[in-house]
Each structure stands twice: as structure tokens, then as C-alpha cells.
PDB file of N, CA and C in Angstrom:
ATOM      1  N   UNK A   1      16.322  19.178 -13.969  1.00  0.00           N
ATOM      2  CA  UNK A   1      15.406  18.681 -12.965  1.00  0.00           C
ATOM      3  C   UNK A   1      15.005  19.851 -12.066  1.00  0.00           C
ATOM      4  N   UNK A   2      13.724  20.024 -11.868  1.00  0.00           N
ATOM      5  CA  UNK A   2      13.245  21.148 -11.066  1.00  0.00           C
ATOM      6  C   UNK A   2      13.326  20.824  -9.577  1.00  0.00           C
ATOM      7  N   UNK A   3      13.429  21.880  -8.804  1.00  0.00           N
ATOM      8  CA  UNK A   3      13.481  21.705  -7.347  1.00  0.00           C
ATOM      9  C   UNK A   3      12.077  21.468  -6.826  1.00  0.00           C
ATOM     10  N   UNK A   4      11.963  20.646  -5.820  1.00  0.00           N
ATOM     11  CA  UNK A   4      10.661  20.328  -5.241  1.00  0.00           C
ATOM     12  C   UNK A   4      10.321  21.337  -4.154  1.00  0.00           C
ATOM     13  N   UNK A   5       9.027  21.629  -4.043  1.00  0.00           N
ATOM     14  CA  UNK A   5       8.572  22.533  -2.997  1.00  0.00           C
ATOM     15  C   UNK A   5       8.491  21.772  -1.676  1.00  0.00           C
ATOM     16  N   UNK A   6       8.335  22.517  -0.602  1.00  0.00           N
ATOM     17  CA  UNK A   6       8.197  21.888   0.711  1.00  0.00           C
ATOM     18  C   UNK A   6       6.942  21.024   0.758  1.00  0.00           C
ATOM     19  N   UNK A   7       5.877  21.472   0.125  1.00  0.00           N
ATOM     20  CA  UNK A   7       4.638  20.682   0.108  1.00  0.00           C
ATOM     21  C   UNK A   7       4.840  19.359  -0.613  1.00  0.00           C
ATOM     22  N   UNK A   8       5.612  19.372  -1.702  1.00  0.00           N
ATOM     23  CA  UNK A   8       5.882  18.127  -2.425  1.00  0.00           C
ATOM     24  C   UNK A   8       6.737  17.180  -1.595  1.00  0.00           C
ATOM     25  N   UNK A   9       7.719  17.737  -0.889  1.00  0.00           N
ATOM     26  CA  UNK A   9       8.557  16.891  -0.019  1.00  0.00           C
ATOM     27  C   UNK A   9       7.734  16.323   1.124  1.00  0.00           C
ATOM     28  N   UNK A  10       6.835  17.125   1.690  1.00  0.00           N
ATOM     29  CA  UNK A  10       5.962  16.641   2.758  1.00  0.00           C
ATOM     30  C   UNK A  10       5.033  15.543   2.257  1.00  0.00           C
ATOM     31  N   UNK A  11       4.509  15.718   1.050  1.00  0.00           N
ATOM     32  CA  UNK A  11       3.623  14.705   0.473  1.00  0.00           C
ATOM     33  C   UNK A  11       4.370  13.390   0.274  1.00  0.00           C
ATOM     34  N   UNK A  12       5.621  13.474  -0.157  1.00  0.00           N
ATOM     35  CA  UNK A  12       6.418  12.253  -0.322  1.00  0.00           C
ATOM     36  C   UNK A  12       6.686  11.585   1.019  1.00  0.00           C
ATOM     37  N   UNK A  13       6.964  12.382   2.037  1.00  0.00           N
ATOM     38  CA  UNK A  13       7.213  11.826   3.361  1.00  0.00           C
ATOM     39  C   UNK A  13       5.985  11.101   3.888  1.00  0.00           C
ATOM     40  N   UNK A  14       4.828  11.710   3.727  1.00  0.00           N
ATOM     41  CA  UNK A  14       3.587  11.080   4.172  1.00  0.00           C
ATOM     42  C   UNK A  14       3.342   9.800   3.382  1.00  0.00           C
ATOM     43  N   UNK A  15       3.584   9.819   2.098  1.00  0.00           N
ATOM     44  CA  UNK A  15       3.353   8.642   1.263  1.00  0.00           C
ATOM     45  C   UNK A  15       4.296   7.506   1.644  1.00  0.00           C
ATOM     46  N   UNK A  16       5.531   7.817   1.939  1.00  0.00           N
ATOM     47  CA  UNK A  16       6.487   6.794   2.367  1.00  0.00           C
ATOM     48  C   UNK A  16       6.056   6.206   3.704  1.00  0.00           C
ATOM     49  N   UNK A  17       5.622   7.078   4.633  1.00  0.00           N
ATOM     50  CA  UNK A  17       5.136   6.586   5.922  1.00  0.00           C
ATOM     51  C   UNK A  17       3.924   5.688   5.767  1.00  0.00           C
ATOM     52  N   UNK A  18       3.004   6.089   4.896  1.00  0.00           N
ATOM     53  CA  UNK A  18       1.824   5.259   4.638  1.00  0.00           C
ATOM     54  C   UNK A  18       2.222   3.925   4.022  1.00  0.00           C
ATOM     55  N   UNK A  19       3.168   3.947   3.098  1.00  0.00           N
ATOM     56  CA  UNK A  19       3.605   2.710   2.449  1.00  0.00           C
ATOM     57  C   UNK A  19       4.196   1.742   3.479  1.00  0.00           C
ATOM     58  N   UNK A  20       5.037   2.242   4.366  1.00  0.00           N
ATOM     59  CA  UNK A  20       5.655   1.372   5.365  1.00  0.00           C
ATOM     60  C   UNK A  20       4.629   0.877   6.383  1.00  0.00           C
ATOM     61  N   UNK A  21       3.726   1.741   6.811  1.00  0.00           N
ATOM     62  CA  UNK A  21       2.715   1.333   7.783  1.00  0.00           C
ATOM     63  C   UNK A  21       1.780   0.286   7.194  1.00  0.00           C
ATOM     64  N   UNK A  22       1.268   0.539   5.990  1.00  0.00           N
ATOM     65  CA  UNK A  22       0.361  -0.433   5.381  1.00  0.00           C
ATOM     66  C   UNK A  22       1.105  -1.711   5.022  1.00  0.00           C
ATOM     67  N   UNK A  23       2.372  -1.596   4.642  1.00  0.00           N
ATOM     68  CA  UNK A  23       3.181  -2.782   4.371  1.00  0.00           C
ATOM     69  C   UNK A  23       3.370  -3.635   5.616  1.00  0.00           C
ATOM     70  N   UNK A  24       3.582  -2.978   6.756  1.00  0.00           N
ATOM     71  CA  UNK A  24       3.731  -3.726   8.012  1.00  0.00           C
ATOM     72  C   UNK A  24       2.430  -4.430   8.385  1.00  0.00           C
ATOM     73  N   UNK A  25       1.305  -3.773   8.162  1.00  0.00           N
ATOM     74  CA  UNK A  25       0.019  -4.422   8.454  1.00  0.00           C
ATOM     75  C   UNK A  25      -0.223  -5.626   7.551  1.00  0.00           C
ATOM     76  N   UNK A  26       0.078  -5.483   6.276  1.00  0.00           N
ATOM     77  CA  UNK A  26      -0.103  -6.598   5.343  1.00  0.00           C
ATOM     78  C   UNK A  26       0.852  -7.741   5.696  1.00  0.00           C
ATOM     79  N   UNK A  27       2.083  -7.410   6.056  1.00  0.00           N
ATOM     80  CA  UNK A  27       3.050  -8.442   6.438  1.00  0.00           C
ATOM     81  C   UNK A  27       2.604  -9.173   7.700  1.00  0.00           C
ATOM     82  N   UNK A  28       2.112  -8.436   8.683  1.00  0.00           N
ATOM     83  CA  UNK A  28       1.645  -9.074   9.923  1.00  0.00           C
ATOM     84  C   UNK A  28       0.439  -9.966   9.658  1.00  0.00           C
ATOM     85  N   UNK A  29      -0.475  -9.506   8.818  1.00  0.00           N
ATOM     86  CA  UNK A  29      -1.651 -10.317   8.496  1.00  0.00           C
ATOM     87  C   UNK A  29      -1.248 -11.576   7.730  1.00  0.00           C
ATOM     88  N   UNK A  30      -0.296 -11.458   6.833  1.00  0.00           N
ATOM     89  CA  UNK A  30       0.175 -12.614   6.070  1.00  0.00           C
ATOM     90  C   UNK A  30       0.861 -13.620   6.989  1.00  0.00           C
ATOM     91  N   UNK A  31       1.739 -13.122   7.853  1.00  0.00           N
ATOM     92  CA  UNK A  31       2.420 -14.005   8.789  1.00  0.00           C
ATOM     93  C   UNK A  31       1.421 -14.698   9.704  1.00  0.00           C
ATOM     94  N   UNK A  32       0.469 -13.941  10.234  1.00  0.00           N
ATOM     95  CA  UNK A  32      -0.531 -14.525  11.135  1.00  0.00           C
ATOM     96  C   UNK A  32      -1.385 -15.559  10.412  1.00  0.00           C
ATOM     97  N   UNK A  33      -1.741 -15.278   9.169  1.00  0.00           N
ATOM     98  CA  UNK A  33      -2.546 -16.224   8.413  1.00  0.00           C
ATOM     99  C   UNK A  33      -1.839 -17.546   8.174  1.00  0.00           C
ATOM    100  N   UNK A  34      -0.522 -17.493   7.980  1.00  0.00           N
ATOM    101  CA  UNK A  34       0.239 -18.717   7.749  1.00  0.00           C
ATOM    102  C   UNK A  34       0.551 -19.426   9.071  1.00  0.00           C
ATOM    103  N   UNK A  35       0.900 -18.672  10.095  1.00  0.00           N
ATOM    104  CA  UNK A  35       1.357 -19.284  11.351  1.00  0.00           C
ATOM    105  C   UNK A  35       0.213 -19.600  12.318  1.00  0.00           C
ATOM    106  N   UNK A  36      -0.966 -19.086  12.071  1.00  0.00           N
ATOM    107  CA  UNK A  36      -2.096 -19.303  12.976  1.00  0.00           C
ATOM    108  C   UNK A  36      -2.407 -20.775  13.232  1.00  0.00           C
ATOM    109  N   UNK A  37      -2.379 -21.659  12.242  1.00  0.00           N
ATOM    110  CA  UNK A  37      -2.631 -23.074  12.540  1.00  0.00           C
ATOM    111  C   UNK A  37      -1.637 -23.654  13.546  1.00  0.00           C
ATOM    112  N   UNK A  38      -0.392 -23.219  13.495  1.00  0.00           N
ATOM    113  CA  UNK A  38       0.610 -23.714  14.436  1.00  0.00           C
ATOM    114  C   UNK A  38       0.306 -23.255  15.855  1.00  0.00           C
ATOM    115  N   UNK A  39      -0.304 -22.065  15.977  1.00  0.00           N
ATOM    116  CA  UNK A  39      -0.635 -21.569  17.312  1.00  0.00           C
ATOM    117  C   UNK A  39      -1.894 -22.232  17.856  1.00  0.00           C
ATOM    118  N   UNK A  40      -2.825 -22.568  16.984  1.00  0.00           N
ATOM    119  CA  UNK A  40      -4.103 -23.116  17.439  1.00  0.00           C
ATOM    120  C   UNK A  40      -4.104 -24.633  17.556  1.00  0.00           C
ATOM    121  N   UNK A  41      -3.341 -25.303  16.731  1.00  0.00           N
ATOM    122  CA  UNK A  41      -3.321 -26.759  16.725  1.00  0.00           C
ATOM    123  C   UNK A  41      -2.038 -27.270  17.366  1.00  0.00           C
ATOM    124  N   UNK A  42      -2.091 -28.497  17.840  1.00  0.00           N
ATOM    125  CA  UNK A  42      -0.914 -29.120  18.434  1.00  0.00           C
ATOM    126  C   UNK A  42      -0.155 -29.841  17.322  1.00  0.00           C
ATOM    127  N   UNK A  43       0.735 -29.109  16.665  1.00  0.00           N
ATOM    128  CA  UNK A  43       1.515 -29.657  15.556  1.00  0.00           C
ATOM    129  C   UNK A  43       2.888 -30.083  16.045  1.00  0.00           C
ATOM    130  N   UNK A  44       3.513 -31.008  15.325  1.00  0.00           N
ATOM    131  CA  UNK A  44       4.896 -31.373  15.674  1.00  0.00           C
ATOM    132  C   UNK A  44       5.833 -30.173  15.534  1.00  0.00           C
ATOM    133  N   UNK A  45       6.952 -30.222  16.238  1.00  0.00           N
ATOM    134  CA  UNK A  45       7.903 -29.101  16.222  1.00  0.00           C
ATOM    135  C   UNK A  45       8.408 -28.796  14.816  1.00  0.00           C
ATOM    136  N   UNK A  46       8.607 -29.814  14.008  1.00  0.00           N
ATOM    137  CA  UNK A  46       9.082 -29.602  12.638  1.00  0.00           C
ATOM    138  C   UNK A  46       8.079 -28.815  11.815  1.00  0.00           C
ATOM    139  N   UNK A  47       6.809 -29.133  11.962  1.00  0.00           N
ATOM    140  CA  UNK A  47       5.766 -28.437  11.209  1.00  0.00           C
ATOM    141  C   UNK A  47       5.649 -26.985  11.672  1.00  0.00           C
ATOM    142  N   UNK A  48       5.770 -26.776  12.974  1.00  0.00           N
ATOM    143  CA  UNK A  48       5.724 -25.401  13.485  1.00  0.00           C
ATOM    144  C   UNK A  48       6.881 -24.577  12.948  1.00  0.00           C
ATOM    145  N   UNK A  49       8.055 -25.181  12.878  1.00  0.00           N
ATOM    146  CA  UNK A  49       9.224 -24.482  12.343  1.00  0.00           C
ATOM    147  C   UNK A  49       9.049 -24.123  10.872  1.00  0.00           C
ATOM    148  N   UNK A  50       8.486 -25.064  10.115  1.00  0.00           N
ATOM    149  CA  UNK A  50       8.250 -24.800   8.692  1.00  0.00           C
ATOM    150  C   UNK A  50       7.243 -23.668   8.527  1.00  0.00           C
ATOM    151  N   UNK A  51       6.142 -23.708   9.285  1.00  0.00           N
ATOM    152  CA  UNK A  51       5.139 -22.650   9.188  1.00  0.00           C
ATOM    153  C   UNK A  51       5.711 -21.305   9.620  1.00  0.00           C
ATOM    154  N   UNK A  52       6.563 -21.314  10.622  1.00  0.00           N
ATOM    155  CA  UNK A  52       7.204 -20.082  11.072  1.00  0.00           C
ATOM    156  C   UNK A  52       8.064 -19.478   9.961  1.00  0.00           C
ATOM    157  N   UNK A  53       8.895 -20.316   9.331  1.00  0.00           N
ATOM    158  CA  UNK A  53       9.763 -19.814   8.260  1.00  0.00           C
ATOM    159  C   UNK A  53       8.963 -19.368   7.036  1.00  0.00           C
ATOM    160  N   UNK A  54       7.984 -20.179   6.647  1.00  0.00           N
ATOM    161  CA  UNK A  54       7.172 -19.824   5.485  1.00  0.00           C
ATOM    162  C   UNK A  54       6.402 -18.532   5.760  1.00  0.00           C
ATOM    163  N   UNK A  55       5.853 -18.387   6.956  1.00  0.00           N
ATOM    164  CA  UNK A  55       5.132 -17.170   7.317  1.00  0.00           C
ATOM    165  C   UNK A  55       6.043 -15.951   7.299  1.00  0.00           C
ATOM    166  N   UNK A  56       7.262 -16.112   7.799  1.00  0.00           N
ATOM    167  CA  UNK A  56       8.206 -14.992   7.809  1.00  0.00           C
ATOM    168  C   UNK A  56       8.605 -14.593   6.393  1.00  0.00           C
ATOM    169  N   UNK A  57       8.865 -15.565   5.533  1.00  0.00           N
ATOM    170  CA  UNK A  57       9.261 -15.260   4.157  1.00  0.00           C
ATOM    171  C   UNK A  57       8.102 -14.614   3.401  1.00  0.00           C
ATOM    172  N   UNK A  58       6.909 -15.186   3.523  1.00  0.00           N
ATOM    173  CA  UNK A  58       5.758 -14.616   2.826  1.00  0.00           C
ATOM    174  C   UNK A  58       5.391 -13.237   3.380  1.00  0.00           C
ATOM    175  N   UNK A  59       5.551 -13.053   4.685  1.00  0.00           N
ATOM    176  CA  UNK A  59       5.293 -11.738   5.272  1.00  0.00           C
ATOM    177  C   UNK A  59       6.261 -10.689   4.747  1.00  0.00           C
ATOM    178  N   UNK A  60       7.541 -11.052   4.656  1.00  0.00           N
ATOM    179  CA  UNK A  60       8.542 -10.121   4.122  1.00  0.00           C
ATOM    180  C   UNK A  60       8.264  -9.815   2.653  1.00  0.00           C
ATOM    181  N   UNK A  61       7.871 -10.829   1.894  1.00  0.00           N
ATOM    182  CA  UNK A  61       7.542 -10.617   0.491  1.00  0.00           C
ATOM    183  C   UNK A  61       6.313  -9.727   0.345  1.00  0.00           C
ATOM    184  N   UNK A  62       5.296  -9.959   1.169  1.00  0.00           N
ATOM    185  CA  UNK A  62       4.090  -9.126   1.120  1.00  0.00           C
ATOM    186  C   UNK A  62       4.417  -7.679   1.480  1.00  0.00           C
ATOM    187  N   UNK A  63       5.302  -7.483   2.456  1.00  0.00           N
ATOM    188  CA  UNK A  63       5.729  -6.139   2.829  1.00  0.00           C
ATOM    189  C   UNK A  63       6.395  -5.438   1.648  1.00  0.00           C
ATOM    190  N   UNK A  64       7.323  -6.110   1.016  1.00  0.00           N
ATOM    191  CA  UNK A  64       8.052  -5.503  -0.100  1.00  0.00           C
ATOM    192  C   UNK A  64       7.123  -5.181  -1.268  1.00  0.00           C
ATOM    193  N   UNK A  65       6.218  -6.088  -1.572  1.00  0.00           N
ATOM    194  CA  UNK A  65       5.294  -5.863  -2.676  1.00  0.00           C
ATOM    195  C   UNK A  65       4.369  -4.692  -2.371  1.00  0.00           C
ATOM    196  N   UNK A  66       3.864  -4.620  -1.138  1.00  0.00           N
ATOM    197  CA  UNK A  66       2.952  -3.532  -0.770  1.00  0.00           C
ATOM    198  C   UNK A  66       3.658  -2.176  -0.828  1.00  0.00           C
ATOM    199  N   UNK A  67       4.849  -2.094  -0.283  1.00  0.00           N
ATOM    200  CA  UNK A  67       5.589  -0.825  -0.295  1.00  0.00           C
ATOM    201  C   UNK A  67       5.893  -0.407  -1.730  1.00  0.00           C
ATOM    202  N   UNK A  68       6.337  -1.338  -2.548  1.00  0.00           N
ATOM    203  CA  UNK A  68       6.628  -1.013  -3.946  1.00  0.00           C
ATOM    204  C   UNK A  68       5.362  -0.575  -4.677  1.00  0.00           C
ATOM    205  N   UNK A  69       4.255  -1.240  -4.411  1.00  0.00           N
ATOM    206  CA  UNK A  69       3.000  -0.904  -5.089  1.00  0.00           C
ATOM    207  C   UNK A  69       2.535   0.508  -4.714  1.00  0.00           C
ATOM    208  N   UNK A  70       2.573   0.842  -3.442  1.00  0.00           N
ATOM    209  CA  UNK A  70       2.128   2.163  -3.004  1.00  0.00           C
ATOM    210  C   UNK A  70       3.042   3.252  -3.555  1.00  0.00           C
ATOM    211  N   UNK A  71       4.345   3.047  -3.474  1.00  0.00           N
ATOM    212  CA  UNK A  71       5.264   4.081  -3.932  1.00  0.00           C
ATOM    213  C   UNK A  71       5.296   4.187  -5.454  1.00  0.00           C
ATOM    214  N   UNK A  72       5.055   3.114  -6.163  1.00  0.00           N
ATOM    215  CA  UNK A  72       5.047   3.168  -7.620  1.00  0.00           C
ATOM    216  C   UNK A  72       3.886   4.016  -8.125  1.00  0.00           C
ATOM    217  N   UNK A  73       2.746   3.965  -7.415  1.00  0.00           N
ATOM    218  CA  UNK A  73       1.571   4.707  -7.840  1.00  0.00           C
ATOM    219  C   UNK A  73       1.648   6.185  -7.489  1.00  0.00           C
ATOM    220  N   UNK A  74       2.566   6.595  -6.632  1.00  0.00           N
ATOM    221  CA  UNK A  74       2.665   7.989  -6.221  1.00  0.00           C
ATOM    222  C   UNK A  74       3.148   8.828  -7.387  1.00  0.00           C
ATOM    223  N   UNK A  75       2.428   9.912  -7.725  1.00  0.00           N
ATOM    224  CA  UNK A  75       2.854  10.750  -8.851  1.00  0.00           C
ATOM    225  C   UNK A  75       4.186  11.423  -8.566  1.00  0.00           C
ATOM    226  N   UNK A  76       5.022  11.499  -9.572  1.00  0.00           N
ATOM    227  CA  UNK A  76       6.364  12.030  -9.381  1.00  0.00           C
ATOM    228  C   UNK A  76       6.470  13.532  -9.616  1.00  0.00           C
ATOM    229  N   UNK A  77       5.561  14.093 -10.381  1.00  0.00           N
ATOM    230  CA  UNK A  77       5.630  15.525 -10.673  1.00  0.00           C
ATOM    231  C   UNK A  77       4.333  16.204 -10.271  1.00  0.00           C
ATOM    232  N   UNK A  78       4.390  17.512 -10.159  1.00  0.00           N
ATOM    233  CA  UNK A  78       3.206  18.276  -9.768  1.00  0.00           C
ATOM    234  C   UNK A  78       2.116  18.157 -10.828  1.00  0.00           C
ATOM    235  N   UNK A  79       2.504  18.059 -12.087  1.00  0.00           N
ATOM    236  CA  UNK A  79       1.505  17.941 -13.154  1.00  0.00           C
ATOM    237  C   UNK A  79       0.713  16.649 -13.029  1.00  0.00           C
ATOM    238  N   UNK A  80       1.358  15.588 -12.588  1.00  0.00           N
ATOM    239  CA  UNK A  80       0.678  14.304 -12.432  1.00  0.00           C
ATOM    240  C   UNK A  80      -0.286  14.320 -11.252  1.00  0.00           C
ATOM    241  N   UNK A  81      -0.040  15.211 -10.274  1.00  0.00           N
ATOM    242  CA  UNK A  81      -0.884  15.255  -9.083  1.00  0.00           C
ATOM    243  C   UNK A  81      -2.148  16.079  -9.280  1.00  0.00           C
ATOM    244  N   UNK A  82      -2.199  16.875 -10.319  1.00  0.00           N
ATOM    245  CA  UNK A  82      -3.372  17.724 -10.530  1.00  0.00           C
ATOM    246  C   UNK A  82      -4.579  16.880 -10.890  1.00  0.00           C
ATOM    247  N   UNK A  83      -5.733  17.277 -10.352  1.00  0.00           N
ATOM    248  CA  UNK A  83      -6.971  16.587 -10.668  1.00  0.00           C
ATOM    249  C   UNK A  83      -7.429  16.984 -12.069  1.00  0.00           C
ATOM    250  N   UNK A  84      -8.036  16.048 -12.788  1.00  0.00           N
ATOM    251  CA  UNK A  84      -8.525  16.407 -14.122  1.00  0.00           C
ATOM    252  C   UNK A  84      -9.683  17.388 -14.009  1.00  0.00           C
ATOM    253  N   UNK A  85      -9.824  18.231 -15.017  1.00  0.00           N
ATOM    254  CA  UNK A  85     -10.909  19.203 -14.992  1.00  0.00           C
ATOM    255  C   UNK A  85     -12.239  18.479 -15.169  1.00  0.00           C
ATOM    256  N   UNK A  86     -13.240  18.953 -14.446  1.00  0.00           N
ATOM    257  CA  UNK A  86     -14.555  18.337 -14.497  1.00  0.00           C
ATOM    258  C   UNK A  86     -15.362  19.014 -15.587  1.00  0.00           C
ATOM    259  N   UNK A  87     -15.872  18.231 -16.494  1.00  0.00           N
ATOM    260  CA  UNK A  87     -16.688  18.765 -17.567  1.00  0.00           C
ATOM    261  C   UNK A  87     -18.094  18.189 -17.430  1.00  0.00           C
ATOM    262  N   UNK A  88     -19.096  18.994 -17.695  1.00  0.00           N
ATOM    263  CA  UNK A  88     -20.458  18.475 -17.598  1.00  0.00           C
ATOM    264  C   UNK A  88     -20.687  17.400 -18.648  1.00  0.00           C
ATOM    265  N   UNK A  89     -21.557  16.455 -18.317  1.00  0.00           N
ATOM    266  CA  UNK A  89     -21.814  15.369 -19.252  1.00  0.00           C
ATOM    267  C   UNK A  89     -22.586  15.845 -20.474  1.00  0.00           C
ATOM    268  N   UNK A  90     -23.351  16.934 -20.297  1.00  0.00           N
ATOM    269  CA  UNK A  90     -24.109  17.500 -21.415  1.00  0.00           C
ATOM    270  C   UNK A  90     -23.749  18.976 -21.532  1.00  0.00           C
ATOM    271  N   UNK A  91     -22.844  19.316 -22.421  1.00  0.00           N
ATOM    272  CA  UNK A  91     -22.428  20.716 -22.572  1.00  0.00           C
ATOM    273  C   UNK A  91     -23.605  21.633 -22.855  1.00  0.00           C
ATOM    274  N   UNK A  92     -23.593  22.811 -22.245  1.00  0.00           N
ATOM    275  CA  UNK A  92     -24.651  23.782 -22.453  1.00  0.00           C
ATOM    276  C   UNK A  92     -25.749  23.685 -21.424  1.00  0.00           C
ATOM    277  N   UNK A  93     -25.775  22.629 -20.665  1.00  0.00           N
ATOM    278  CA  UNK A  93     -26.805  22.458 -19.613  1.00  0.00           C
ATOM    279  C   UNK A  93     -26.157  22.842 -18.282  1.00  0.00           C
ATOM    280  N   UNK A  94     -26.717  23.818 -17.611  1.00  0.00           N
ATOM    281  CA  UNK A  94     -26.132  24.273 -16.358  1.00  0.00           C
ATOM    282  C   UNK A  94     -26.898  23.802 -15.140  1.00  0.00           C
ATOM    283  N   UNK A  95     -28.183  23.644 -15.228  1.00  0.00           N
ATOM    284  CA  UNK A  95     -28.968  23.250 -14.065  1.00  0.00           C
ATOM    285  C   UNK A  95     -29.136  21.743 -13.982  1.00  0.00           C
ATOM    286  N   UNK A  96     -29.326  21.236 -12.755  1.00  0.00           N
ATOM    287  CA  UNK A  96     -29.458  19.785 -12.609  1.00  0.00           C
ATOM    288  C   UNK A  96     -30.747  19.253 -13.255  1.00  0.00           C
ATOM    289  N   UNK A  97     -31.762  20.079 -13.391  1.00  0.00           N
ATOM    290  CA  UNK A  97     -33.009  19.590 -13.945  1.00  0.00           C
ATOM    291  C   UNK A  97     -33.170  19.887 -15.430  1.00  0.00           C
ATOM    292  N   UNK A  98     -32.179  20.510 -16.038  1.00  0.00           N
ATOM    293  CA  UNK A  98     -32.358  20.870 -17.452  1.00  0.00           C
ATOM    294  C   UNK A  98     -31.872  19.774 -18.373  1.00  0.00           C
TER     295      UNK A  98
END
């Protein structure tokens, strides 16, 4: 296993931070979407409790799925991070009007 450069470690740190931040936003939006009716409508206490629990569980699940999705897509090696070489669509043509 090769040693990682400082740039690779920094890229991983940024990616982990992005995964957690975006996961928290998705979790908050999911929780708010489920619990919003309880805040806006006059529901019985039992219904509010159910919406609170369901919102919390779905928010936690959305957080975990988002973090896993972002980190799974992150390339693990330097070779995977390289951009593919750009080739012209018509070989031999160099100018845009040719």
C-alpha cells in the first residue's frame, strides 16, 4: 500500500467534511418535512410524538445514506482522480471552423 501525499489527505478531509455537512442538511430537511405538519396544525399529542419519532428516524437514515453515498463516490487512488484526456471529436481538425 502506497503512502498518501499531504494533498491526498487534505482532499479526503475536505470530502469527509462535505459529506457530514451535506448529510446534516439532508437530515434536517427530512426531519422538517416530516415534522412540519405537527408544527403547523393542531394535532393530538400522540400524533405529534409519532411524527417526531418518525422524523428523527428518517432524518438519521437520510444522514447515513447521504454520507455513505458521498464517501463511496470519492476516488481512493490518485489514478482514479485524474481527469480523462480530452480528444477532439474529429481527429486531424484543429480549428473550430474546420
